[in-house]
Amino acid sequence: MKDMAYTKTELKKNNGPDQPVSMGDDTREKYPWGLEIRLENESIKKLGIDISNFKVGQPVRVSCVATVNEIRQNQTTKSTNSTMTLQITKMEIVKSAPKKITQGMKSGDVDQYLFDKNLV
């Protein structure tokens, strides 16, 4: 998996050279716009999760299937920009297994561990 957080260089580029580079605790400052998923009551019910079992800041595992709805690429004299819009069509969210337990496991083995521990 790729870490999608801004690097200090990217933050400096996005904020301008005279702005301080902050890698604060707010994840909204660390990641590009569009990477956040917001679930409302209807989706939470459909997923069958009880949000009281989760804590703010807790890692979770999100698996989904999505359809590509749109692909765009435009070019200016300074850069080329690409965007891709995805519509999530199927999803599941489970608590993450502790990294010290799953380190070195293959993806299927992690899934089995989560299932065995009733985390799925």
Protein backbone atom coordinates (compact mmCIF):
# COMPACT_ATOMS: atom_id res chain seq x y z
CA MET A 1 0.00 0.00 0.00
CA LYS A 2 1.09 3.57 -0.66
CA ASP A 3 1.10 6.23 2.05
CA MET A 4 -1.11 9.00 0.68
CA ALA A 5 -0.06 11.67 3.22
CA TYR A 6 1.52 14.83 1.88
CA THR A 7 5.29 14.96 2.19
CA LYS A 8 6.84 18.10 3.70
CA THR A 9 7.92 19.09 0.17
CA GLU A 10 4.35 18.71 -1.15
CA LEU A 11 2.94 20.72 1.77
CA LYS A 12 5.43 23.51 1.14
CA LYS A 13 4.56 23.51 -2.58
CA ASN A 14 0.80 23.54 -1.89
CA ASN A 15 0.95 26.19 0.86
CA GLY A 16 3.49 28.46 -0.80
CA PRO A 17 7.11 29.06 0.12
CA ASP A 18 6.32 31.64 2.85
CA GLN A 19 3.85 29.42 4.74
CA PRO A 20 4.99 27.23 7.65
CA VAL A 21 4.93 23.50 6.99
CA SER A 22 2.71 21.80 9.55
CA MET A 23 2.35 18.05 9.88
CA GLY A 24 -0.13 18.43 12.77
CA ASP A 25 -2.44 15.81 14.22
CA ASP A 26 -5.40 16.84 12.03
CA THR A 27 -5.56 14.24 9.25
CA ARG A 28 -7.36 16.76 7.04
CA GLU A 29 -4.10 18.71 6.84
CA LYS A 30 -2.03 15.60 6.10
CA TYR A 31 -3.96 14.18 3.15
CA PRO A 32 -5.20 15.57 -0.19
CA TRP A 33 -8.82 16.61 -0.52
CA GLY A 34 -11.00 13.80 -1.83
CA LEU A 35 -9.44 10.92 0.12
CA GLU A 36 -11.87 11.12 3.04
CA ILE A 37 -14.93 8.83 3.11
CA ARG A 38 -17.98 10.11 5.01
CA LEU A 39 -20.62 7.59 6.02
CA GLU A 40 -24.10 8.76 7.00
CA ASN A 41 -26.78 6.89 9.00
CA GLU A 42 -28.15 4.94 6.03
CA SER A 43 -24.73 3.66 4.96
CA ILE A 44 -23.73 2.82 8.55
CA LYS A 45 -26.91 0.77 8.96
CA LYS A 46 -26.37 -0.97 5.62
CA LEU A 47 -22.80 -1.89 6.63
CA GLY A 48 -24.15 -3.31 9.89
CA ILE A 49 -21.57 -1.57 12.04
CA ASP A 50 -22.05 -0.06 15.48
CA ILE A 51 -19.96 3.11 15.52
CA SER A 52 -19.77 2.99 19.32
CA ASN A 53 -17.32 0.09 18.82
CA PHE A 54 -14.85 2.46 17.12
CA LYS A 55 -12.67 5.26 18.47
CA VAL A 56 -11.51 8.46 16.77
CA GLY A 57 -7.99 7.89 15.47
CA GLN A 58 -8.39 4.10 15.41
CA PRO A 59 -7.17 2.42 12.22
CA VAL A 60 -9.79 0.40 10.33
CA ARG A 61 -9.59 -1.81 7.29
CA VAL A 62 -11.78 -0.71 4.39
CA SER A 63 -12.39 -3.07 1.50
CA CYS A 64 -14.46 -1.94 -1.41
CA VAL A 65 -15.35 -2.40 -5.04
CA ALA A 66 -15.76 0.73 -7.12
CA THR A 67 -16.70 1.68 -10.65
CA VAL A 68 -14.72 4.30 -12.56
CA ASN A 69 -17.25 7.06 -13.31
CA GLU A 70 -15.00 9.63 -14.89
CA ILE A 71 -11.45 10.07 -16.16
CA ARG A 72 -10.08 13.51 -17.01
CA GLN A 73 -6.73 14.82 -18.07
CA ASN A 74 -5.96 18.41 -18.91
CA GLN A 75 -2.75 20.10 -19.85
CA THR A 76 -1.64 23.66 -19.21
CA THR A 77 1.59 25.38 -20.11
CA LYS A 78 2.91 24.48 -16.63
CA SER A 79 1.57 20.99 -15.88
CA THR A 80 -0.67 18.08 -16.75
CA ASN A 81 -3.44 17.23 -14.27
CA SER A 82 -5.24 13.90 -14.06
CA THR A 83 -8.38 12.99 -12.11
CA MET A 84 -10.39 9.83 -11.77
CA THR A 85 -13.78 9.65 -10.07
CA LEU A 86 -14.73 6.37 -8.41
CA GLN A 87 -18.19 5.32 -7.25
CA ILE A 88 -17.98 2.82 -4.39
CA THR A 89 -20.51 0.08 -5.07
CA LYS A 90 -19.64 -2.48 -2.35
CA MET A 91 -17.83 -1.92 0.93
CA GLU A 92 -16.95 -3.41 4.28
CA ILE A 93 -15.22 -1.86 7.27
CA VAL A 94 -13.57 -3.85 10.04
CA LYS A 95 -11.29 -3.05 12.93
CA SER A 96 -7.67 -3.49 11.99
CA ALA A 97 -5.75 -6.37 13.48
CA PRO A 98 -2.74 -5.29 15.53
CA LYS A 99 0.28 -4.73 13.26
CA LYS A 100 2.59 -6.72 15.54
CA ILE A 101 0.34 -9.76 15.00
CA THR A 102 -0.22 -9.40 11.26
CA GLN A 103 3.27 -8.24 10.26
CA GLY A 104 4.56 -10.58 7.57
CA MET A 105 1.16 -12.19 6.94
CA LYS A 106 -0.22 -12.43 3.43
CA SER A 107 -3.47 -10.55 2.77
CA GLY A 108 -5.58 -13.73 2.81
CA ASP A 109 -4.04 -14.77 6.13
CA VAL A 110 -4.89 -11.37 7.65
CA ASP A 111 -8.47 -11.78 6.43
CA GLN A 112 -8.65 -15.23 8.03
CA TYR A 113 -7.23 -13.85 11.30
CA LEU A 114 -9.88 -11.09 11.35
CA PHE A 115 -12.60 -13.65 10.64
CA ASP A 116 -11.34 -16.03 13.34
CA LYS A 117 -11.31 -13.22 15.91
CA ASN A 118 -14.86 -12.14 14.91
CA LEU A 119 -13.60 -8.77 13.70
CA VAL A 120 -15.29 -9.14 10.31
